[in-house]
């Protein structure tokens, strides 16, 4: 897929206002013609010249109209309803966004011969045996995980060319700021409030900018199939919070370890989640970087 600068390939990004969407647009802006699509008005600043469209992925007529009008070479779906407890409480909304929304995109992608890149999660597993390789048998225990697994099935069954990227615990700096684990920890610690953080949930947190670079590489190589992409460090949330405190210069003594069961959360959390990334490293030639790198990069990012 060679394109000269006058004729850059069009890449449509759904979920453009989210953390991953924003990073992706920044990462790809010089190489491709980006068409950003978000639910609601454009909220991110920077990248002023980017074409932006308002669309809800659950609105099949709108999705159909946009994709057919623009006919991108690649469509990236970074739109999802990711509130795990929210999905448990509001199953209808979860299914509508995370499954039917993906159906709407995949259906048209096949008709116009567009490749679909879809982002999924380690929540498709039960979290007993992580970190997981790509070929491990999924067995979700949360409604969010069930919906995301169904979305993968939709993409695979749509007969369009596709790549699915599973990731977990994505963090980074968004504009305007988005809720994330790192943001919560730094907000609380900067106000010198004590926080309780679980020490029995393990993952390998993913720096959003690195995930965006992974998606860019998949587009460049025209790679297809299922890939995991996550960070190099496998650790529990308490340890992650301590690293955040250390890097941002806050007192780690404000962070208290607790057990998952003490939180009484609506959705069951995978305890040994996370993802193995050898396939992405070997086949896509990606560096798998750790938490110190991600937090360091976050510190260097300026507020725009």
C-alpha atoms as a PDB file:
ATOM      1  CA  UNK A   1       0.000   0.000   0.000  1.00  0.00           C
ATOM      2  CA  UNK A   2       2.271   2.792  -1.240  1.00  0.00           C
ATOM      3  CA  UNK A   3       0.802   6.269  -1.370  1.00  0.00           C
ATOM      4  CA  UNK A   4       2.521   9.487  -2.371  1.00  0.00           C
ATOM      5  CA  UNK A   5       2.123  12.581  -0.212  1.00  0.00           C
ATOM      6  CA  UNK A   6      -0.535  14.038  -2.515  1.00  0.00           C
ATOM      7  CA  UNK A   7      -2.565  10.907  -2.212  1.00  0.00           C
ATOM      8  CA  UNK A   8      -2.311   9.796   1.398  1.00  0.00           C
ATOM      9  CA  UNK A   9      -4.391   6.827   2.461  1.00  0.00           C
ATOM     10  CA  UNK A  10      -7.485   7.820   4.413  1.00  0.00           C
ATOM     11  CA  UNK A  11      -7.750   6.436   7.931  1.00  0.00           C
ATOM     12  CA  UNK A  12     -10.988   6.913   9.851  1.00  0.00           C
ATOM     13  CA  UNK A  13     -10.745   6.824  13.641  1.00  0.00           C
ATOM     14  CA  UNK A  14     -13.892   6.175  15.686  1.00  0.00           C
ATOM     15  CA  UNK A  15     -13.600   7.212  19.344  1.00  0.00           C
ATOM     16  CA  UNK A  16     -11.421  10.200  18.412  1.00  0.00           C
ATOM     17  CA  UNK A  17     -12.074  12.084  21.665  1.00  0.00           C
ATOM     18  CA  UNK A  18     -10.860   9.218  23.855  1.00  0.00           C
ATOM     19  CA  UNK A  19      -7.323   8.714  25.115  1.00  0.00           C
ATOM     20  CA  UNK A  20      -6.337   6.099  22.521  1.00  0.00           C
ATOM     21  CA  UNK A  21      -8.130   7.955  19.713  1.00  0.00           C
ATOM     22  CA  UNK A  22      -6.258  11.161  20.506  1.00  0.00           C
ATOM     23  CA  UNK A  23      -2.856   9.463  20.602  1.00  0.00           C
ATOM     24  CA  UNK A  24      -3.577   7.619  17.375  1.00  0.00           C
ATOM     25  CA  UNK A  25      -4.461  10.825  15.524  1.00  0.00           C
ATOM     26  CA  UNK A  26      -1.261  12.487  16.756  1.00  0.00           C
ATOM     27  CA  UNK A  27       0.826   9.435  15.806  1.00  0.00           C
ATOM     28  CA  UNK A  28      -0.637   9.075  12.295  1.00  0.00           C
ATOM     29  CA  UNK A  29      -1.269  12.664  11.279  1.00  0.00           C
ATOM     30  CA  UNK A  30       1.890  13.102   9.191  1.00  0.00           C
ATOM     31  CA  UNK A  31       1.572   9.805   7.287  1.00  0.00           C
ATOM     32  CA  UNK A  32      -2.148   9.532   6.556  1.00  0.00           C
ATOM     33  CA  UNK A  33      -5.219  11.595   5.859  1.00  0.00           C
ATOM     34  CA  UNK A  34      -7.064  11.295   9.163  1.00  0.00           C
ATOM     35  CA  UNK A  35     -10.832  11.495   9.478  1.00  0.00           C
ATOM     36  CA  UNK A  36     -11.707  11.749  13.168  1.00  0.00           C
ATOM     37  CA  UNK A  37     -15.122  10.613  14.370  1.00  0.00           C
ATOM     38  CA  UNK A  38     -16.375  11.186  17.896  1.00  0.00           C
ATOM     39  CA  UNK A  39     -19.533  10.871  19.891  1.00  0.00           C
ATOM     40  CA  UNK A  40     -20.438  14.504  20.525  1.00  0.00           C
ATOM     41  CA  UNK A  41     -18.519  17.660  19.719  1.00  0.00           C
ATOM     42  CA  UNK A  42     -14.770  17.522  19.199  1.00  0.00           C
ATOM     43  CA  UNK A  43     -13.179  17.921  22.641  1.00  0.00           C
ATOM     44  CA  UNK A  44      -9.481  17.388  21.973  1.00  0.00           C
ATOM     45  CA  UNK A  45      -7.392  20.375  20.941  1.00  0.00           C
ATOM     46  CA  UNK A  46      -4.269  20.412  18.784  1.00  0.00           C
ATOM     47  CA  UNK A  47      -4.298  18.792  15.320  1.00  0.00           C
ATOM     48  CA  UNK A  48      -6.602  21.655  14.273  1.00  0.00           C
ATOM     49  CA  UNK A  49      -6.712  20.855  10.568  1.00  0.00           C
ATOM     50  CA  UNK A  50      -8.086  17.355  11.033  1.00  0.00           C
ATOM     51  CA  UNK A  51     -11.463  16.602   9.508  1.00  0.00           C
ATOM     52  CA  UNK A  52     -13.903  15.835  12.313  1.00  0.00           C
ATOM     53  CA  UNK A  53     -17.363  14.275  12.202  1.00  0.00           C
ATOM     54  CA  UNK A  54     -19.845  13.770  14.987  1.00  0.00           C
ATOM     55  CA  UNK A  55     -21.331  10.271  15.014  1.00  0.00           C
ATOM     56  CA  UNK A  56     -22.508   7.697  17.501  1.00  0.00           C
ATOM     57  CA  UNK A  57     -21.429   4.192  16.442  1.00  0.00           C
ATOM     58  CA  UNK A  58     -24.817   2.838  17.585  1.00  0.00           C
ATOM     59  CA  UNK A  59     -26.474   4.925  14.831  1.00  0.00           C
ATOM     60  CA  UNK A  60     -26.158   2.529  11.893  1.00  0.00           C
ATOM     61  CA  UNK A  61     -27.511   4.982   9.295  1.00  0.00           C
ATOM     62  CA  UNK A  62     -24.958   7.631  10.307  1.00  0.00           C
ATOM     63  CA  UNK A  63     -22.061   5.145  10.361  1.00  0.00           C
ATOM     64  CA  UNK A  64     -23.139   3.847   6.943  1.00  0.00           C
ATOM     65  CA  UNK A  65     -23.391   7.365   5.491  1.00  0.00           C
ATOM     66  CA  UNK A  66     -19.961   8.452   6.786  1.00  0.00           C
ATOM     67  CA  UNK A  67     -18.064   5.346   5.707  1.00  0.00           C
ATOM     68  CA  UNK A  68     -19.642   5.273   2.246  1.00  0.00           C
ATOM     69  CA  UNK A  69     -19.038   8.980   1.665  1.00  0.00           C
ATOM     70  CA  UNK A  70     -15.375   8.915   2.764  1.00  0.00           C
ATOM     71  CA  UNK A  71     -14.380   5.350   1.824  1.00  0.00           C
ATOM     72  CA  UNK A  72     -11.272   5.155   4.041  1.00  0.00           C
ATOM     73  CA  UNK A  73      -8.584   2.555   3.355  1.00  0.00           C
ATOM     74  CA  UNK A  74      -8.573   1.656   7.056  1.00  0.00           C
ATOM     75  CA  UNK A  75     -11.070   2.242   9.841  1.00  0.00           C
ATOM     76  CA  UNK A  76      -9.899   2.028  13.467  1.00  0.00           C
ATOM     77  CA  UNK A  77     -12.521   1.436  16.141  1.00  0.00           C
ATOM     78  CA  UNK A  78     -11.292   2.957  19.397  1.00  0.00           C
ATOM     79  CA  UNK A  79     -14.854   3.669  20.577  1.00  0.00           C
ATOM     80  CA  UNK A  80     -16.203   1.562  23.464  1.00  0.00           C
ATOM     81  CA  UNK A  81     -18.136   1.712  26.704  1.00  0.00           C
ATOM     82  CA  UNK A  82     -15.382   0.600  29.090  1.00  0.00           C
ATOM     83  CA  UNK A  83     -16.859   1.272  32.540  1.00  0.00           C
ATOM     84  CA  UNK A  84     -16.752  -2.314  33.835  1.00  0.00           C
ATOM     85  CA  UNK A  85     -19.215  -1.798  36.704  1.00  0.00           C
ATOM     86  CA  UNK A  86     -21.348   0.428  34.474  1.00  0.00           C
ATOM     87  CA  UNK A  87     -21.591  -2.428  31.960  1.00  0.00           C
ATOM     88  CA  UNK A  88     -22.761  -4.775  34.705  1.00  0.00           C
ATOM     89  CA  UNK A  89     -25.462  -2.287  35.798  1.00  0.00           C
ATOM     90  CA  UNK A  90     -26.499  -1.229  32.299  1.00  0.00           C
ATOM     91  CA  UNK A  91     -26.150  -4.305  30.108  1.00  0.00           C
ATOM     92  CA  UNK A  92     -28.290  -2.867  27.328  1.00  0.00           C
ATOM     93  CA  UNK A  93     -26.025   0.161  26.825  1.00  0.00           C
ATOM     94  CA  UNK A  94     -22.932  -2.062  27.057  1.00  0.00           C
ATOM     95  CA  UNK A  95     -24.215  -4.386  24.314  1.00  0.00           C
ATOM     96  CA  UNK A  96     -25.464  -1.535  22.114  1.00  0.00           C
ATOM     97  CA  UNK A  97     -22.105   0.261  22.074  1.00  0.00           C
ATOM     98  CA  UNK A  98     -19.633  -2.610  22.363  1.00  0.00           C
ATOM     99  CA  UNK A  99     -21.340  -5.117  20.072  1.00  0.00           C
ATOM    100  CA  UNK A 100     -24.009  -3.486  17.892  1.00  0.00           C
ATOM    101  CA  UNK A 101     -21.802  -0.429  17.316  1.00  0.00           C
ATOM    102  CA  UNK A 102     -19.018  -2.706  16.066  1.00  0.00           C
ATOM    103  CA  UNK A 103     -21.517  -4.572  13.852  1.00  0.00           C
ATOM    104  CA  UNK A 104     -22.493  -1.243  12.277  1.00  0.00           C
ATOM    105  CA  UNK A 105     -18.880  -0.450  11.387  1.00  0.00           C
ATOM    106  CA  UNK A 106     -17.908  -3.985  10.295  1.00  0.00           C
ATOM    107  CA  UNK A 107     -20.927  -4.389   8.002  1.00  0.00           C
ATOM    108  CA  UNK A 108     -20.081  -1.282   5.970  1.00  0.00           C
ATOM    109  CA  UNK A 109     -16.323  -1.912   6.092  1.00  0.00           C
ATOM    110  CA  UNK A 110     -16.878  -5.189   4.250  1.00  0.00           C
ATOM    111  CA  UNK A 111     -19.143  -3.582   1.641  1.00  0.00           C
ATOM    112  CA  UNK A 112     -16.625  -0.855   0.779  1.00  0.00           C
ATOM    113  CA  UNK A 113     -13.613  -3.178   1.142  1.00  0.00           C
ATOM    114  CA  UNK A 114     -12.101  -1.300   4.078  1.00  0.00           C
ATOM    115  CA  UNK A 115      -9.805  -2.942   6.589  1.00  0.00           C
ATOM    116  CA  UNK A 116     -11.063  -2.773  10.191  1.00  0.00           C
ATOM    117  CA  UNK A 117      -8.754  -2.473  13.192  1.00  0.00           C
ATOM    118  CA  UNK A 118     -10.604  -3.115  16.437  1.00  0.00           C
ATOM    119  CA  UNK A 119      -9.420  -2.708  20.034  1.00  0.00           C
ATOM    120  CA  UNK A 120     -10.300  -5.386  22.579  1.00  0.00           C
ATOM    121  CA  UNK A 121      -9.299  -6.314  26.120  1.00  0.00           C
ATOM    122  CA  UNK A 122      -7.846  -8.951  28.462  1.00  0.00           C
ATOM    123  CA  UNK A 123     -11.323  -9.030  30.082  1.00  0.00           C
ATOM    124  CA  UNK A 124     -12.228 -11.692  27.495  1.00  0.00           C
ATOM    125  CA  UNK A 125     -10.403 -14.028  29.949  1.00  0.00           C
ATOM    126  CA  UNK A 126     -11.378 -15.015  33.499  1.00  0.00           C
ATOM    127  CA  UNK A 127      -8.133 -13.735  35.016  1.00  0.00           C
ATOM    128  CA  UNK A 128      -7.080 -17.010  36.616  1.00  0.00           C
ATOM    129  CA  UNK A 129      -4.052 -17.770  34.421  1.00  0.00           C
ATOM    130  CA  UNK A 130      -2.709 -14.489  33.062  1.00  0.00           C
ATOM    131  CA  UNK A 131      -0.792 -13.085  31.384  1.00  0.00           C
ATOM    132  CA  UNK A 132      -2.466 -14.648  28.350  1.00  0.00           C
ATOM    133  CA  UNK A 133      -1.183 -15.414  24.855  1.00  0.00           C
ATOM    134  CA  UNK A 134      -3.421 -14.736  21.824  1.00  0.00           C
ATOM    135  CA  UNK A 135      -4.482 -18.354  21.379  1.00  0.00           C
ATOM    136  CA  UNK A 136      -5.692 -18.974  24.945  1.00  0.00           C
ATOM    137  CA  UNK A 137      -9.378 -19.949  25.182  1.00  0.00           C
ATOM    138  CA  UNK A 138     -11.465 -16.899  26.227  1.00  0.00           C
ATOM    139  CA  UNK A 139     -13.851 -17.248  29.160  1.00  0.00           C
ATOM    140  CA  UNK A 140     -15.123 -13.839  30.329  1.00  0.00           C
ATOM    141  CA  UNK A 141     -16.668 -13.457  33.795  1.00  0.00           C
ATOM    142  CA  UNK A 142     -17.952  -9.874  33.426  1.00  0.00           C
ATOM    143  CA  UNK A 143     -20.649  -8.528  31.119  1.00  0.00           C
ATOM    144  CA  UNK A 144     -18.090  -6.089  29.700  1.00  0.00           C
ATOM    145  CA  UNK A 145     -15.785  -9.012  28.877  1.00  0.00           C
ATOM    146  CA  UNK A 146     -18.655 -10.969  27.294  1.00  0.00           C
ATOM    147  CA  UNK A 147     -19.597  -7.991  25.112  1.00  0.00           C
ATOM    148  CA  UNK A 148     -15.989  -7.405  24.031  1.00  0.00           C
ATOM    149  CA  UNK A 149     -15.585 -11.098  23.151  1.00  0.00           C
ATOM    150  CA  UNK A 150     -18.816 -10.863  21.124  1.00  0.00           C
ATOM    151  CA  UNK A 151     -17.377  -7.804  19.344  1.00  0.00           C
ATOM    152  CA  UNK A 152     -14.306  -9.830  18.322  1.00  0.00           C
ATOM    153  CA  UNK A 153     -16.616 -12.541  16.961  1.00  0.00           C
ATOM    154  CA  UNK A 154     -18.505  -9.880  14.972  1.00  0.00           C
ATOM    155  CA  UNK A 155     -15.274  -8.578  13.422  1.00  0.00           C
ATOM    156  CA  UNK A 156     -13.964 -12.051  12.563  1.00  0.00           C
ATOM    157  CA  UNK A 157     -17.335 -13.122  11.147  1.00  0.00           C
ATOM    158  CA  UNK A 158     -17.865  -9.980   9.068  1.00  0.00           C
ATOM    159  CA  UNK A 159     -15.601 -11.195   6.232  1.00  0.00           C
ATOM    160  CA  UNK A 160     -13.810  -7.876   6.114  1.00  0.00           C
ATOM    161  CA  UNK A 161     -10.025  -7.697   6.401  1.00  0.00           C
ATOM    162  CA  UNK A 162      -9.255  -7.071  10.053  1.00  0.00           C
ATOM    163  CA  UNK A 163      -6.792  -6.821  12.892  1.00  0.00           C
ATOM    164  CA  UNK A 164      -7.875  -7.083  16.528  1.00  0.00           C
ATOM    165  CA  UNK A 165      -5.608  -5.703  19.240  1.00  0.00           C
ATOM    166  CA  UNK A 166      -6.187  -6.787  22.824  1.00  0.00           C
ATOM    167  CA  UNK A 167      -4.767  -4.516  25.484  1.00  0.00           C
ATOM    168  CA  UNK A 168      -5.205  -3.769  29.210  1.00  0.00           C
ATOM    169  CA  UNK A 169      -5.024  -0.930  31.797  1.00  0.00           C
ATOM    170  CA  UNK A 170      -4.345   1.843  29.288  1.00  0.00           C
ATOM    171  CA  UNK A 171      -2.910   5.053  30.744  1.00  0.00           C
ATOM    172  CA  UNK A 172      -1.592   8.336  29.382  1.00  0.00           C
ATOM    173  CA  UNK A 173      -2.285  12.036  29.121  1.00  0.00           C
ATOM    174  CA  UNK A 174      -5.439  13.149  27.330  1.00  0.00           C
ATOM    175  CA  UNK A 175      -6.735  16.641  26.578  1.00  0.00           C
ATOM    176  CA  UNK A 176      -9.033  17.421  28.223  1.00  0.00           C
ATOM    177  CA  UNK A 177      -7.977  14.961  30.914  1.00  0.00           C
ATOM    178  CA  UNK A 178      -9.807  11.629  31.015  1.00  0.00           C
ATOM    179  CA  UNK A 179     -10.419   9.441  34.025  1.00  0.00           C
ATOM    180  CA  UNK A 180      -7.694   6.840  34.393  1.00  0.00           C
ATOM    181  CA  UNK A 181      -5.885   4.983  37.148  1.00  0.00           C
ATOM    182  CA  UNK A 182      -2.817   7.242  36.889  1.00  0.00           C
ATOM    183  CA  UNK A 183      -4.957  10.382  36.982  1.00  0.00           C
ATOM    184  CA  UNK A 184      -6.902   9.159  40.043  1.00  0.00           C
ATOM    185  CA  UNK A 185      -3.700   8.285  41.929  1.00  0.00           C
ATOM    186  CA  UNK A 186      -1.983  11.606  41.135  1.00  0.00           C
ATOM    187  CA  UNK A 187      -5.120  13.664  41.913  1.00  0.00           C
ATOM    188  CA  UNK A 188      -5.558  12.015  45.315  1.00  0.00           C
ATOM    189  CA  UNK A 189      -1.884  12.046  46.294  1.00  0.00           C
ATOM    190  CA  UNK A 190      -1.375  15.663  45.233  1.00  0.00           C
ATOM    191  CA  UNK A 191      -4.236  16.566  47.610  1.00  0.00           C
ATOM    192  CA  UNK A 192      -2.466  14.429  50.264  1.00  0.00           C
ATOM    193  CA  UNK A 193      -5.435  12.087  50.567  1.00  0.00           C
ATOM    194  CA  UNK A 194      -4.952   8.446  51.500  1.00  0.00           C
ATOM    195  CA  UNK A 195      -5.970   5.864  48.945  1.00  0.00           C
ATOM    196  CA  UNK A 196      -6.722   2.158  49.167  1.00  0.00           C
ATOM    197  CA  UNK A 197      -5.352   0.171  46.249  1.00  0.00           C
ATOM    198  CA  UNK A 198      -5.753  -3.550  45.621  1.00  0.00           C
ATOM    199  CA  UNK A 199      -2.642  -5.732  45.759  1.00  0.00           C
ATOM    200  CA  UNK A 200      -4.231  -8.875  44.304  1.00  0.00           C
ATOM    201  CA  UNK A 201      -5.075  -7.727  40.757  1.00  0.00           C
ATOM    202  CA  UNK A 202      -2.186  -8.215  38.322  1.00  0.00           C
ATOM    203  CA  UNK A 203      -1.845  -6.706  34.833  1.00  0.00           C
ATOM    204  CA  UNK A 204       0.755  -5.249  32.514  1.00  0.00           C
ATOM    205  CA  UNK A 205      -0.391  -1.616  32.092  1.00  0.00           C
ATOM    206  CA  UNK A 206      -0.171  -0.101  28.613  1.00  0.00           C
ATOM    207  CA  UNK A 207       1.046   3.397  27.787  1.00  0.00           C
ATOM    208  CA  UNK A 208      -1.490   4.837  25.310  1.00  0.00           C
ATOM    209  CA  UNK A 209       1.180   6.391  23.057  1.00  0.00           C
ATOM    210  CA  UNK A 210       2.833   2.973  22.648  1.00  0.00           C
ATOM    211  CA  UNK A 211      -0.519   1.365  21.834  1.00  0.00           C
ATOM    212  CA  UNK A 212      -1.039   4.048  19.161  1.00  0.00           C
ATOM    213  CA  UNK A 213       2.422   3.245  17.733  1.00  0.00           C
ATOM    214  CA  UNK A 214       1.415  -0.436  17.612  1.00  0.00           C
ATOM    215  CA  UNK A 215      -1.745   0.397  15.644  1.00  0.00           C
ATOM    216  CA  UNK A 216       0.298   2.568  13.268  1.00  0.00           C
ATOM    217  CA  UNK A 217       2.704  -0.348  12.690  1.00  0.00           C
ATOM    218  CA  UNK A 218      -0.208  -2.691  11.941  1.00  0.00           C
ATOM    219  CA  UNK A 219      -1.448  -0.212   9.321  1.00  0.00           C
ATOM    220  CA  UNK A 220       2.038   0.223   7.821  1.00  0.00           C
ATOM    221  CA  UNK A 221       2.675  -3.522   7.589  1.00  0.00           C
ATOM    222  CA  UNK A 222      -0.932  -4.254   6.589  1.00  0.00           C
ATOM    223  CA  UNK A 223      -0.873  -6.933   9.298  1.00  0.00           C
ATOM    224  CA  UNK A 224      -4.012  -8.973   9.935  1.00  0.00           C
ATOM    225  CA  UNK A 225      -5.332 -11.230  12.679  1.00  0.00           C
ATOM    226  CA  UNK A 226      -5.205 -11.059  16.465  1.00  0.00           C
ATOM    227  CA  UNK A 227      -2.420  -9.339  18.420  1.00  0.00           C
ATOM    228  CA  UNK A 228      -1.865  -8.559  22.090  1.00  0.00           C
ATOM    229  CA  UNK A 229      -0.223  -5.275  22.945  1.00  0.00           C
ATOM    230  CA  UNK A 230       0.614  -4.253  26.516  1.00  0.00           C
ATOM    231  CA  UNK A 231       3.486  -3.032  28.682  1.00  0.00           C
ATOM    232  CA  UNK A 232       6.548  -5.003  29.778  1.00  0.00           C
ATOM    233  CA  UNK A 233       5.923  -4.879  33.549  1.00  0.00           C
ATOM    234  CA  UNK A 234       3.556  -7.389  35.140  1.00  0.00           C
ATOM    235  CA  UNK A 235       2.567  -6.090  38.561  1.00  0.00           C
ATOM    236  CA  UNK A 236      -0.377  -5.487  40.871  1.00  0.00           C
ATOM    237  CA  UNK A 237      -2.306  -2.222  41.176  1.00  0.00           C
ATOM    238  CA  UNK A 238      -0.752  -1.363  44.545  1.00  0.00           C
ATOM    239  CA  UNK A 239       2.747  -1.692  43.045  1.00  0.00           C
ATOM    240  CA  UNK A 240       1.647   0.380  40.040  1.00  0.00           C
ATOM    241  CA  UNK A 241       0.334   3.123  42.372  1.00  0.00           C
ATOM    242  CA  UNK A 242       3.639   3.137  44.257  1.00  0.00           C
ATOM    243  CA  UNK A 243       5.568   3.572  40.994  1.00  0.00           C
ATOM    244  CA  UNK A 244       3.271   6.471  40.056  1.00  0.00           C
ATOM    245  CA  UNK A 245       3.871   8.139  43.450  1.00  0.00           C
ATOM    246  CA  UNK A 246       7.627   7.695  43.125  1.00  0.00           C
ATOM    247  CA  UNK A 247       7.770   9.053  39.552  1.00  0.00           C
ATOM    248  CA  UNK A 248       5.494  12.052  40.187  1.00  0.00           C
ATOM    249  CA  UNK A 249       7.126  12.909  43.525  1.00  0.00           C
ATOM    250  CA  UNK A 250       4.313  12.065  45.958  1.00  0.00           C
ATOM    251  CA  UNK A 251       4.430  10.166  49.243  1.00  0.00           C
ATOM    252  CA  UNK A 252       3.950   6.404  48.765  1.00  0.00           C
ATOM    253  CA  UNK A 253       2.964   6.210  52.452  1.00  0.00           C
ATOM    254  CA  UNK A 254      -0.486   7.515  51.497  1.00  0.00           C
ATOM    255  CA  UNK A 255      -1.138   4.320  49.503  1.00  0.00           C
ATOM    256  CA  UNK A 256      -2.612   1.463  51.513  1.00  0.00           C
ATOM    257  CA  UNK A 257      -2.893  -2.106  50.194  1.00  0.00           C
ATOM    258  CA  UNK A 258      -6.299  -3.815  50.294  1.00  0.00           C
ATOM    259  CA  UNK A 259      -7.896  -6.915  48.785  1.00  0.00           C
ATOM    260  CA  UNK A 260     -10.319  -6.866  45.839  1.00  0.00           C
ATOM    261  CA  UNK A 261     -13.118  -8.387  47.918  1.00  0.00           C
ATOM    262  CA  UNK A 262     -12.975  -5.401  50.279  1.00  0.00           C
ATOM    263  CA  UNK A 263     -14.105  -3.075  47.476  1.00  0.00           C
ATOM    264  CA  UNK A 264     -17.439  -4.799  46.876  1.00  0.00           C
ATOM    265  CA  UNK A 265     -17.379  -3.937  43.159  1.00  0.00           C
ATOM    266  CA  UNK A 266     -20.348  -4.885  40.994  1.00  0.00           C
ATOM    267  CA  UNK A 267     -18.274  -6.675  38.348  1.00  0.00           C
ATOM    268  CA  UNK A 268     -15.885  -9.479  39.232  1.00  0.00           C
ATOM    269  CA  UNK A 269     -12.310  -8.337  38.541  1.00  0.00           C
ATOM    270  CA  UNK A 270      -9.791 -10.676  36.926  1.00  0.00           C
ATOM    271  CA  UNK A 271      -6.987 -11.204  39.469  1.00  0.00           C
ATOM    272  CA  UNK A 272      -4.311 -12.532  37.149  1.00  0.00           C
ATOM    273  CA  UNK A 273      -5.109 -10.665  33.950  1.00  0.00           C
ATOM    274  CA  UNK A 274      -2.686  -9.131  31.488  1.00  0.00           C
ATOM    275  CA  UNK A 275      -1.365 -10.197  28.128  1.00  0.00           C
ATOM    276  CA  UNK A 276       1.692 -11.844  26.601  1.00  0.00           C
ATOM    277  CA  UNK A 277       3.204  -9.714  23.844  1.00  0.00           C
ATOM    278  CA  UNK A 278       5.810 -11.911  22.115  1.00  0.00           C
ATOM    279  CA  UNK A 279       3.780 -12.088  18.891  1.00  0.00           C
ATOM    280  CA  UNK A 280       3.610  -8.276  18.568  1.00  0.00           C
ATOM    281  CA  UNK A 281       7.305  -8.037  19.369  1.00  0.00           C
ATOM    282  CA  UNK A 282       8.395 -10.722  16.889  1.00  0.00           C
ATOM    283  CA  UNK A 283       5.979 -10.215  13.995  1.00  0.00           C
ATOM    284  CA  UNK A 284       5.464  -6.463  14.164  1.00  0.00           C
ATOM    285  CA  UNK A 285       8.977  -5.660  15.357  1.00  0.00           C
ATOM    286  CA  UNK A 286       7.713  -3.589  18.275  1.00  0.00           C
ATOM    287  CA  UNK A 287       9.615  -2.720  21.422  1.00  0.00           C
ATOM    288  CA  UNK A 288       7.656  -3.669  24.535  1.00  0.00           C
ATOM    289  CA  UNK A 289       8.362  -0.899  27.037  1.00  0.00           C
ATOM    290  CA  UNK A 290       7.793  -0.727  30.779  1.00  0.00           C
ATOM    291  CA  UNK A 291       6.053   1.541  33.276  1.00  0.00           C
ATOM    292  CA  UNK A 292       9.060   3.744  34.036  1.00  0.00           C
ATOM    293  CA  UNK A 293       9.199   4.689  30.356  1.00  0.00           C
ATOM    294  CA  UNK A 294       5.445   5.423  30.197  1.00  0.00           C
ATOM    295  CA  UNK A 295       5.373   7.539  33.358  1.00  0.00           C
ATOM    296  CA  UNK A 296       8.551   9.363  32.317  1.00  0.00           C
ATOM    297  CA  UNK A 297       6.971  10.232  28.962  1.00  0.00           C
ATOM    298  CA  UNK A 298       3.814  11.427  30.729  1.00  0.00           C
ATOM    299  CA  UNK A 299       5.897  13.744  32.921  1.00  0.00           C
ATOM    300  CA  UNK A 300       7.573  15.203  29.827  1.00  0.00           C
ATOM    301  CA  UNK A 301       4.283  15.784  27.980  1.00  0.00           C
ATOM    302  CA  UNK A 302       3.242  19.393  28.248  1.00  0.00           C
ATOM    303  CA  UNK A 303      -0.311  20.446  28.975  1.00  0.00           C
ATOM    304  CA  UNK A 304      -1.536  22.053  25.795  1.00  0.00           C
END
